[in-house]
């Protein structure tokens, strides 16, 4: 049996049991006697009693993750900005929130907020997609120049790539 499955078999102590442990300690019973009466491990009894003495509560520790840094209003603002302008980056979405709240908002926080709202963080649109009108115009341009036999030696078709003839700049 794996350790994870084994650990899930343990039952957490109830609030009633934690109260009984504190009352038994106030009555002057030893940790061993308390653990046998409550049916818990002695180290569990010691831990609950220490927590009662130090913090005045028997509650378990809080959540293991840090508190959420954005409010529900800020979450709605993040979603609204991401939906209205698809070309905006995560850092651009975070800037107005950071300026208003004076604390940093990470890209992971924005991504998580978008996922919780049922959307996904997408990369900004770098170029426009070709519409049917663009395709027609490209085809017309090519048909007008298909008889350029002599001039094709002077034309460089790059497909929007950079061409550097003088030196090599290290980029492909």
N, C-alpha and C. Protein backbone atom coordinates (compact mmCIF):
# COMPACT_ATOMS: atom_id res chain seq x y z
N UNK A 1 0.84 -1.17 0.00
CA UNK A 1 0.00 0.00 0.00
C UNK A 1 0.89 1.24 0.00
N UNK A 2 0.60 2.18 -0.89
CA UNK A 2 1.45 3.36 -0.98
C UNK A 2 1.24 4.24 0.25
N UNK A 3 2.19 5.13 0.46
CA UNK A 3 2.14 5.99 1.63
C UNK A 3 0.95 6.95 1.56
N UNK A 4 0.66 7.43 0.38
CA UNK A 4 -0.46 8.37 0.22
C UNK A 4 -1.78 7.71 0.59
N UNK A 5 -1.98 6.49 0.11
CA UNK A 5 -3.23 5.79 0.44
C UNK A 5 -3.27 5.48 1.94
N UNK A 6 -2.13 5.16 2.50
CA UNK A 6 -2.06 4.85 3.90
C UNK A 6 -2.40 6.09 4.73
N UNK A 7 -1.89 7.24 4.34
CA UNK A 7 -2.14 8.48 5.07
C UNK A 7 -3.60 8.88 4.98
N UNK A 8 -4.26 8.61 3.86
CA UNK A 8 -5.66 9.00 3.75
C UNK A 8 -6.56 8.16 4.64
N UNK A 9 -6.05 7.04 5.16
CA UNK A 9 -6.85 6.20 6.03
C UNK A 9 -6.98 6.80 7.42
N UNK A 10 -6.09 7.75 7.80
CA UNK A 10 -6.17 8.38 9.11
C UNK A 10 -7.37 9.31 9.17
N UNK A 11 -8.06 9.29 10.29
CA UNK A 11 -9.17 10.21 10.51
C UNK A 11 -8.67 11.42 11.27
N UNK A 12 -9.14 12.58 10.90
CA UNK A 12 -8.77 13.79 11.61
C UNK A 12 -9.58 13.87 12.89
N UNK A 13 -8.97 14.47 13.91
CA UNK A 13 -9.69 14.59 15.17
C UNK A 13 -10.80 15.63 15.02
N UNK A 14 -11.94 15.34 15.60
CA UNK A 14 -13.07 16.24 15.49
C UNK A 14 -12.93 17.39 16.49
N UNK A 15 -13.76 18.39 16.33
CA UNK A 15 -13.73 19.52 17.25
C UNK A 15 -14.12 19.06 18.66
N UNK A 16 -15.03 18.12 18.73
CA UNK A 16 -15.45 17.57 20.03
C UNK A 16 -14.29 16.89 20.74
N UNK A 17 -13.53 16.06 19.97
CA UNK A 17 -12.38 15.37 20.56
C UNK A 17 -11.31 16.37 21.01
N UNK A 18 -11.09 17.41 20.24
CA UNK A 18 -10.10 18.42 20.63
C UNK A 18 -10.54 19.11 21.92
N UNK A 19 -11.84 19.38 22.04
CA UNK A 19 -12.36 19.98 23.28
C UNK A 19 -12.19 19.05 24.47
N UNK A 20 -12.45 17.76 24.27
CA UNK A 20 -12.26 16.78 25.35
C UNK A 20 -10.82 16.74 25.81
N UNK A 21 -9.89 16.82 24.84
CA UNK A 21 -8.46 16.76 25.18
C UNK A 21 -8.09 17.95 26.06
N UNK A 22 -8.58 19.14 25.70
CA UNK A 22 -8.25 20.34 26.48
C UNK A 22 -8.86 20.25 27.88
N UNK A 23 -10.09 19.76 27.98
CA UNK A 23 -10.73 19.63 29.29
C UNK A 23 -9.98 18.62 30.16
N UNK A 24 -9.58 17.50 29.56
CA UNK A 24 -8.83 16.50 30.33
C UNK A 24 -7.50 17.07 30.81
N UNK A 25 -6.86 17.90 30.00
CA UNK A 25 -5.60 18.50 30.43
C UNK A 25 -5.84 19.47 31.58
N UNK A 26 -6.94 20.24 31.50
CA UNK A 26 -7.26 21.17 32.58
C UNK A 26 -7.57 20.42 33.88
N UNK A 27 -8.09 19.19 33.75
CA UNK A 27 -8.38 18.38 34.94
C UNK A 27 -7.11 17.80 35.56
N UNK A 28 -5.98 17.89 34.85
CA UNK A 28 -4.72 17.43 35.41
C UNK A 28 -4.32 16.04 34.98
N UNK A 29 -4.97 15.48 33.96
CA UNK A 29 -4.58 14.15 33.49
C UNK A 29 -3.30 14.23 32.67
N UNK A 30 -2.55 13.13 32.66
CA UNK A 30 -1.32 13.09 31.86
C UNK A 30 -1.67 12.87 30.39
N UNK A 31 -0.67 13.14 29.54
CA UNK A 31 -0.89 12.97 28.10
C UNK A 31 -1.22 11.52 27.76
N UNK A 32 -0.60 10.58 28.47
CA UNK A 32 -0.84 9.16 28.22
C UNK A 32 -2.28 8.78 28.58
N UNK A 33 -2.77 9.29 29.71
CA UNK A 33 -4.14 9.00 30.11
C UNK A 33 -5.15 9.63 29.15
N UNK A 34 -4.84 10.86 28.73
CA UNK A 34 -5.74 11.54 27.79
C UNK A 34 -5.80 10.77 26.48
N UNK A 35 -4.65 10.33 25.96
CA UNK A 35 -4.63 9.63 24.68
C UNK A 35 -5.38 8.31 24.76
N UNK A 36 -5.32 7.64 25.90
CA UNK A 36 -6.05 6.37 26.01
C UNK A 36 -7.56 6.62 26.12
N UNK A 37 -7.97 7.69 26.79
CA UNK A 37 -9.40 7.97 26.93
C UNK A 37 -10.03 8.45 25.61
N UNK A 38 -9.27 9.25 24.87
CA UNK A 38 -9.81 9.82 23.62
C UNK A 38 -9.61 8.85 22.45
N UNK A 39 -8.62 7.98 22.56
CA UNK A 39 -8.36 7.03 21.48
C UNK A 39 -7.50 7.63 20.37
N UNK A 40 -6.63 8.55 20.75
CA UNK A 40 -5.72 9.18 19.80
C UNK A 40 -4.28 8.93 20.21
N UNK A 41 -3.38 9.19 19.28
CA UNK A 41 -1.96 9.04 19.52
C UNK A 41 -1.52 10.08 20.55
N UNK A 42 -0.49 9.75 21.32
CA UNK A 42 -0.01 10.66 22.36
C UNK A 42 0.58 11.93 21.76
N UNK A 43 1.25 11.83 20.63
CA UNK A 43 1.80 13.03 20.00
C UNK A 43 0.69 13.96 19.49
N UNK A 44 -0.42 13.40 19.07
CA UNK A 44 -1.55 14.22 18.65
C UNK A 44 -2.10 14.99 19.83
N UNK A 45 -2.20 14.33 20.98
CA UNK A 45 -2.69 14.99 22.19
C UNK A 45 -1.74 16.11 22.60
N UNK A 46 -0.44 15.85 22.54
CA UNK A 46 0.55 16.87 22.90
C UNK A 46 0.45 18.07 21.95
N UNK A 47 0.31 17.79 20.67
CA UNK A 47 0.22 18.87 19.68
C UNK A 47 -1.01 19.74 19.92
N UNK A 48 -2.15 19.12 20.21
CA UNK A 48 -3.38 19.88 20.46
C UNK A 48 -3.25 20.70 21.74
N UNK A 49 -2.67 20.13 22.77
CA UNK A 49 -2.49 20.87 24.03
C UNK A 49 -1.52 22.03 23.86
N UNK A 50 -0.45 21.82 23.12
CA UNK A 50 0.50 22.91 22.86
C UNK A 50 -0.16 24.04 22.08
N UNK A 51 -0.95 23.68 21.09
CA UNK A 51 -1.64 24.71 20.31
C UNK A 51 -2.61 25.49 21.18
N UNK A 52 -3.28 24.80 22.13
CA UNK A 52 -4.21 25.47 23.03
C UNK A 52 -3.46 26.43 23.96
N UNK A 53 -2.29 26.02 24.44
CA UNK A 53 -1.52 26.85 25.35
C UNK A 53 -0.90 28.06 24.63
N UNK A 54 -0.44 27.89 23.39
CA UNK A 54 0.24 28.98 22.68
C UNK A 54 -0.72 29.94 22.01
N UNK A 55 -1.74 29.41 21.34
CA UNK A 55 -2.62 30.27 20.54
C UNK A 55 -4.02 30.42 21.11
N UNK A 56 -4.37 29.63 22.10
CA UNK A 56 -5.69 29.73 22.68
C UNK A 56 -6.78 29.13 21.82
N UNK A 57 -6.41 28.31 20.86
CA UNK A 57 -7.38 27.65 19.99
C UNK A 57 -6.92 26.23 19.69
N UNK A 58 -7.88 25.38 19.40
CA UNK A 58 -7.53 24.01 19.03
C UNK A 58 -7.72 23.77 17.54
N UNK A 59 -8.08 24.83 16.82
CA UNK A 59 -8.32 24.69 15.38
C UNK A 59 -7.04 24.26 14.68
N UNK A 60 -7.24 23.57 13.60
CA UNK A 60 -6.11 23.16 12.78
C UNK A 60 -5.52 24.37 12.11
N UNK A 61 -4.31 24.23 11.62
CA UNK A 61 -3.67 25.34 10.92
C UNK A 61 -4.49 25.71 9.70
N UNK A 62 -4.34 26.95 9.27
CA UNK A 62 -5.07 27.43 8.12
C UNK A 62 -4.64 26.77 6.84
N UNK A 63 -5.04 27.33 5.76
CA UNK A 63 -4.75 26.74 4.46
C UNK A 63 -3.25 26.74 4.18
N UNK A 64 -2.84 25.85 3.33
CA UNK A 64 -1.41 25.71 3.05
C UNK A 64 -0.94 26.65 1.96
N UNK A 65 -1.85 27.26 1.23
CA UNK A 65 -1.45 28.19 0.18
C UNK A 65 -1.66 29.62 0.66
N UNK A 66 -0.94 30.57 0.07
CA UNK A 66 -1.10 31.96 0.49
C UNK A 66 -2.47 32.50 0.12
N UNK A 67 -2.93 33.54 0.79
CA UNK A 67 -4.25 34.08 0.46
C UNK A 67 -4.26 34.69 -0.93
N UNK A 68 -5.44 34.74 -1.52
CA UNK A 68 -5.57 35.26 -2.87
C UNK A 68 -5.30 36.76 -2.86
N UNK A 69 -4.49 37.23 -3.81
CA UNK A 69 -4.07 38.62 -3.80
C UNK A 69 -5.02 39.52 -4.58
N UNK A 70 -5.98 38.98 -5.28
CA UNK A 70 -6.93 39.81 -6.00
C UNK A 70 -8.33 39.59 -5.46
N UNK A 71 -9.13 40.65 -5.50
CA UNK A 71 -10.51 40.54 -5.05
C UNK A 71 -11.39 40.08 -6.20
N UNK A 72 -12.65 39.83 -5.91
CA UNK A 72 -13.57 39.40 -6.97
C UNK A 72 -13.78 40.51 -7.99
N UNK A 73 -13.76 41.75 -7.54
CA UNK A 73 -13.90 42.89 -8.47
C UNK A 73 -12.70 42.95 -9.42
N UNK A 74 -11.50 42.75 -8.88
CA UNK A 74 -10.29 42.75 -9.72
C UNK A 74 -10.30 41.56 -10.66
N UNK A 75 -10.81 40.41 -10.21
CA UNK A 75 -10.91 39.25 -11.09
C UNK A 75 -11.83 39.55 -12.28
N UNK A 76 -12.95 40.21 -12.02
CA UNK A 76 -13.85 40.58 -13.12
C UNK A 76 -13.19 41.55 -14.07
N UNK A 77 -12.38 42.47 -13.53
CA UNK A 77 -11.67 43.42 -14.38
C UNK A 77 -10.64 42.70 -15.26
N UNK A 78 -9.96 41.71 -14.71
CA UNK A 78 -8.99 40.93 -15.48
C UNK A 78 -9.69 40.23 -16.63
N UNK A 79 -10.80 39.58 -16.34
CA UNK A 79 -11.54 38.85 -17.38
C UNK A 79 -12.05 39.82 -18.44
N UNK A 80 -12.56 40.97 -18.02
CA UNK A 80 -13.09 41.94 -18.97
C UNK A 80 -11.99 42.45 -19.91
N UNK A 81 -10.81 42.74 -19.36
CA UNK A 81 -9.70 43.23 -20.19
C UNK A 81 -9.23 42.16 -21.17
N UNK A 82 -9.18 40.93 -20.71
CA UNK A 82 -8.70 39.85 -21.57
C UNK A 82 -9.70 39.53 -22.68
N UNK A 83 -10.98 39.69 -22.40
CA UNK A 83 -12.00 39.37 -23.40
C UNK A 83 -12.14 40.49 -24.44
N UNK A 84 -12.09 41.74 -23.98
CA UNK A 84 -12.31 42.85 -24.91
C UNK A 84 -11.15 43.03 -25.88
N UNK A 85 -9.92 42.80 -25.43
CA UNK A 85 -8.77 42.98 -26.30
C UNK A 85 -7.94 41.72 -26.28
N UNK A 86 -8.05 40.91 -27.32
CA UNK A 86 -7.35 39.62 -27.37
C UNK A 86 -5.85 39.79 -27.60
N UNK A 87 -5.40 40.98 -28.02
CA UNK A 87 -3.99 41.17 -28.29
C UNK A 87 -3.22 41.62 -27.06
N UNK A 88 -3.88 41.75 -25.92
CA UNK A 88 -3.22 42.24 -24.72
C UNK A 88 -2.46 41.10 -24.04
N UNK A 89 -1.30 41.42 -23.48
CA UNK A 89 -0.49 40.42 -22.79
C UNK A 89 -0.89 40.35 -21.32
N UNK A 90 -0.41 39.32 -20.63
CA UNK A 90 -0.74 39.16 -19.23
C UNK A 90 -0.16 40.29 -18.39
N UNK A 91 1.03 40.73 -18.72
CA UNK A 91 1.64 41.84 -17.98
C UNK A 91 0.87 43.13 -18.20
N UNK A 92 0.33 43.33 -19.41
CA UNK A 92 -0.46 44.54 -19.67
C UNK A 92 -1.76 44.50 -18.88
N UNK A 93 -2.34 43.33 -18.71
CA UNK A 93 -3.55 43.19 -17.90
C UNK A 93 -3.24 43.49 -16.44
N UNK A 94 -2.05 43.12 -15.97
CA UNK A 94 -1.71 43.28 -14.56
C UNK A 94 -1.40 44.73 -14.19
N UNK A 95 -0.97 45.55 -15.14
CA UNK A 95 -0.52 46.90 -14.82
C UNK A 95 -1.59 47.77 -14.16
N UNK A 96 -2.82 47.86 -14.68
CA UNK A 96 -3.80 48.72 -14.00
C UNK A 96 -4.16 48.22 -12.60
N UNK A 97 -4.14 46.91 -12.39
CA UNK A 97 -4.45 46.37 -11.08
C UNK A 97 -3.32 46.67 -10.10
N UNK A 98 -2.08 46.54 -10.57
CA UNK A 98 -0.93 46.84 -9.73
C UNK A 98 -0.90 48.31 -9.34
N UNK A 99 -1.25 49.19 -10.28
CA UNK A 99 -1.23 50.62 -9.97
C UNK A 99 -2.35 50.99 -8.99
N UNK A 100 -3.48 50.29 -9.04
CA UNK A 100 -4.59 50.60 -8.15
C UNK A 100 -4.39 50.02 -6.75
N UNK A 101 -3.84 48.81 -6.67
CA UNK A 101 -3.72 48.14 -5.37
C UNK A 101 -2.33 48.25 -4.75
N UNK A 102 -1.34 48.67 -5.50
CA UNK A 102 0.04 48.82 -5.04
C UNK A 102 0.66 47.51 -4.57
N UNK A 103 0.24 46.40 -5.17
CA UNK A 103 0.92 45.13 -4.95
C UNK A 103 1.01 44.40 -6.28
N UNK A 104 2.06 43.60 -6.42
CA UNK A 104 2.31 42.97 -7.71
C UNK A 104 1.35 41.79 -7.93
N UNK A 105 0.95 41.64 -9.18
CA UNK A 105 0.09 40.54 -9.59
C UNK A 105 0.87 39.76 -10.64
N UNK A 106 1.08 38.50 -10.38
CA UNK A 106 1.88 37.69 -11.30
C UNK A 106 1.06 37.24 -12.50
N UNK A 107 1.78 36.83 -13.52
CA UNK A 107 1.11 36.29 -14.71
C UNK A 107 0.37 35.01 -14.37
N UNK A 108 0.90 34.24 -13.42
CA UNK A 108 0.24 33.00 -13.02
C UNK A 108 -1.11 33.30 -12.34
N UNK A 109 -1.17 34.39 -11.57
CA UNK A 109 -2.43 34.77 -10.93
C UNK A 109 -3.47 35.13 -11.98
N UNK A 110 -3.06 35.85 -13.00
CA UNK A 110 -3.99 36.24 -14.06
C UNK A 110 -4.45 35.01 -14.83
N UNK A 111 -3.52 34.11 -15.12
CA UNK A 111 -3.86 32.89 -15.82
C UNK A 111 -4.86 32.05 -15.02
N UNK A 112 -4.64 31.95 -13.70
CA UNK A 112 -5.54 31.20 -12.83
C UNK A 112 -6.92 31.85 -12.79
N UNK A 113 -6.95 33.18 -12.76
CA UNK A 113 -8.23 33.89 -12.73
C UNK A 113 -9.02 33.64 -14.02
N UNK A 114 -8.33 33.65 -15.15
CA UNK A 114 -9.00 33.38 -16.42
C UNK A 114 -9.49 31.94 -16.49
N UNK A 115 -8.72 31.01 -15.97
CA UNK A 115 -9.15 29.61 -15.98
C UNK A 115 -10.37 29.40 -15.09
N UNK A 116 -10.44 30.09 -13.96
CA UNK A 116 -11.59 29.95 -13.07
C UNK A 116 -12.85 30.52 -13.70
N UNK A 117 -12.69 31.49 -14.60
CA UNK A 117 -13.86 32.07 -15.26
C UNK A 117 -14.24 31.30 -16.52
N UNK A 118 -13.53 30.21 -16.82
CA UNK A 118 -13.86 29.39 -17.98
C UNK A 118 -13.17 29.83 -19.25
N UNK A 119 -12.19 30.71 -19.13
CA UNK A 119 -11.45 31.16 -20.30
C UNK A 119 -10.00 30.70 -20.16
N UNK A 120 -9.24 30.88 -21.21
CA UNK A 120 -7.84 30.51 -21.12
C UNK A 120 -6.99 31.69 -21.54
N UNK A 121 -5.81 31.75 -20.95
CA UNK A 121 -4.87 32.79 -21.31
C UNK A 121 -4.24 32.42 -22.64
N UNK A 122 -4.39 33.26 -23.63
CA UNK A 122 -3.84 32.98 -24.95
C UNK A 122 -2.71 33.93 -25.24
N UNK A 123 -1.88 33.54 -26.14
CA UNK A 123 -0.81 34.43 -26.58
C UNK A 123 -1.44 35.55 -27.41
N UNK A 124 -0.89 36.75 -27.33
CA UNK A 124 -1.48 37.84 -28.11
C UNK A 124 -1.34 37.59 -29.60
N UNK A 125 -2.29 38.08 -30.34
CA UNK A 125 -2.32 37.92 -31.78
C UNK A 125 -1.22 38.76 -32.40
N UNK A 126 -0.26 38.14 -33.07
CA UNK A 126 0.87 38.87 -33.63
C UNK A 126 0.57 39.42 -35.00
N UNK A 127 -0.21 38.74 -35.76
CA UNK A 127 -0.55 39.21 -37.11
C UNK A 127 -1.99 38.91 -37.40
N UNK A 128 -2.53 39.62 -38.35
CA UNK A 128 -3.92 39.41 -38.69
C UNK A 128 -4.05 38.19 -39.61
N UNK A 129 -5.12 37.47 -39.42
CA UNK A 129 -5.39 36.34 -40.29
C UNK A 129 -5.85 36.86 -41.65
N UNK A 130 -5.58 36.08 -42.68
CA UNK A 130 -6.01 36.48 -44.03
C UNK A 130 -7.50 36.24 -44.19
N UNK A 131 -8.18 37.27 -44.62
CA UNK A 131 -9.60 37.12 -44.91
C UNK A 131 -9.76 36.69 -46.37
N UNK A 132 -10.97 36.44 -46.75
CA UNK A 132 -11.23 36.06 -48.14
C UNK A 132 -10.85 37.20 -49.08
N UNK A 133 -11.07 38.44 -48.67
CA UNK A 133 -10.70 39.60 -49.48
C UNK A 133 -9.18 39.67 -49.65
N UNK A 134 -8.42 39.41 -48.61
CA UNK A 134 -6.96 39.40 -48.71
C UNK A 134 -6.48 38.35 -49.71
N UNK A 135 -7.08 37.19 -49.65
CA UNK A 135 -6.68 36.12 -50.57
C UNK A 135 -6.94 36.51 -52.02
N UNK A 136 -8.06 37.14 -52.26
CA UNK A 136 -8.39 37.58 -53.63
C UNK A 136 -7.38 38.61 -54.10
N UNK A 137 -7.03 39.56 -53.24
CA UNK A 137 -6.05 40.59 -53.61
C UNK A 137 -4.67 39.99 -53.86
N UNK A 138 -4.27 39.02 -53.05
CA UNK A 138 -2.98 38.35 -53.28
C UNK A 138 -2.98 37.62 -54.63
N UNK A 139 -4.07 36.95 -54.93
CA UNK A 139 -4.16 36.23 -56.20
C UNK A 139 -4.12 37.20 -57.38
N UNK A 140 -4.79 38.33 -57.27
CA UNK A 140 -4.74 39.33 -58.34
C UNK A 140 -3.33 39.85 -58.53
N UNK A 141 -2.62 40.12 -57.44
CA UNK A 141 -1.26 40.64 -57.53
C UNK A 141 -0.35 39.62 -58.24
N UNK A 142 -0.51 38.35 -57.89
CA UNK A 142 0.32 37.31 -58.52
C UNK A 142 -0.03 37.14 -60.00
N UNK A 143 -1.32 37.21 -60.35
CA UNK A 143 -1.71 37.07 -61.75
C UNK A 143 -1.19 38.22 -62.59
N UNK A 144 -1.14 39.43 -62.05
CA UNK A 144 -0.61 40.57 -62.80
C UNK A 144 0.88 40.44 -63.06
N UNK A 145 1.59 39.75 -62.22
CA UNK A 145 3.05 39.68 -62.35
C UNK A 145 3.56 38.30 -62.77
N UNK A 146 2.71 37.44 -63.26
CA UNK A 146 3.17 36.10 -63.62
C UNK A 146 3.99 36.07 -64.89
N UNK A 147 3.95 37.10 -65.73
CA UNK A 147 4.74 37.15 -66.96
C UNK A 147 6.05 37.89 -66.78
N UNK A 148 6.43 38.19 -65.59
CA UNK A 148 7.68 38.91 -65.33
C UNK A 148 8.86 37.94 -65.37
N UNK A 149 9.33 37.60 -66.50
CA UNK A 149 10.46 36.68 -66.60
C UNK A 149 11.77 37.43 -66.38
N UNK A 150 11.94 38.57 -67.03
CA UNK A 150 13.18 39.33 -66.93
C UNK A 150 13.27 40.03 -65.58
N UNK A 151 12.16 40.49 -65.05
CA UNK A 151 12.20 41.25 -63.81
C UNK A 151 12.32 40.36 -62.57
N UNK A 152 12.02 39.06 -62.68
CA UNK A 152 12.10 38.19 -61.52
C UNK A 152 13.52 38.02 -61.01
N UNK A 153 14.51 38.26 -61.87
CA UNK A 153 15.89 38.19 -61.40
C UNK A 153 16.22 39.33 -60.45
N UNK A 154 15.45 40.40 -60.49
CA UNK A 154 15.70 41.56 -59.65
C UNK A 154 14.80 41.59 -58.41
N UNK A 155 13.82 40.69 -58.32
CA UNK A 155 12.86 40.70 -57.23
C UNK A 155 13.26 39.65 -56.19
N UNK A 156 13.20 40.03 -54.94
CA UNK A 156 13.44 39.10 -53.84
C UNK A 156 12.10 38.87 -53.15
N UNK A 157 11.63 37.63 -53.16
CA UNK A 157 10.39 37.27 -52.48
C UNK A 157 10.78 36.68 -51.14
N UNK A 158 10.38 37.35 -50.06
CA UNK A 158 10.88 36.96 -48.74
C UNK A 158 9.82 36.37 -47.83
N UNK A 159 8.56 36.48 -48.18
CA UNK A 159 7.48 36.02 -47.31
C UNK A 159 7.60 36.68 -45.94
N UNK A 160 7.83 37.98 -45.94
CA UNK A 160 7.95 38.82 -44.76
C UNK A 160 9.11 38.40 -43.86
N UNK A 161 10.19 37.90 -44.43
CA UNK A 161 11.37 37.56 -43.66
C UNK A 161 12.42 38.64 -43.86
N UNK A 162 13.34 38.70 -42.90
CA UNK A 162 14.43 39.67 -43.02
C UNK A 162 15.51 39.12 -43.93
N UNK A 163 16.07 39.97 -44.75
CA UNK A 163 17.19 39.58 -45.61
C UNK A 163 18.30 40.57 -45.36
N UNK A 164 19.46 40.08 -44.91
CA UNK A 164 20.62 40.92 -44.67
C UNK A 164 21.73 40.38 -45.56
N UNK A 165 22.18 41.22 -46.49
CA UNK A 165 23.17 40.79 -47.46
C UNK A 165 24.58 41.16 -47.06
N UNK A 166 24.77 42.19 -46.27
CA UNK A 166 26.11 42.67 -45.96
C UNK A 166 26.85 41.80 -44.93
N UNK A 167 26.20 41.43 -43.88
CA UNK A 167 26.84 40.65 -42.82
C UNK A 167 25.85 39.67 -42.22
N UNK A 168 26.37 38.78 -41.38
CA UNK A 168 25.52 37.80 -40.71
C UNK A 168 25.30 38.28 -39.28
N UNK A 169 24.05 38.40 -38.87
CA UNK A 169 23.76 38.92 -37.53
C UNK A 169 23.49 37.80 -36.51
N UNK A 170 23.66 36.56 -36.87
CA UNK A 170 23.52 35.46 -35.95
C UNK A 170 22.11 34.91 -35.82
N UNK A 171 21.13 35.51 -36.49
CA UNK A 171 19.77 35.02 -36.42
C UNK A 171 19.46 34.22 -37.67
N UNK A 172 18.56 33.28 -37.53
CA UNK A 172 18.17 32.45 -38.67
C UNK A 172 16.98 33.09 -39.34
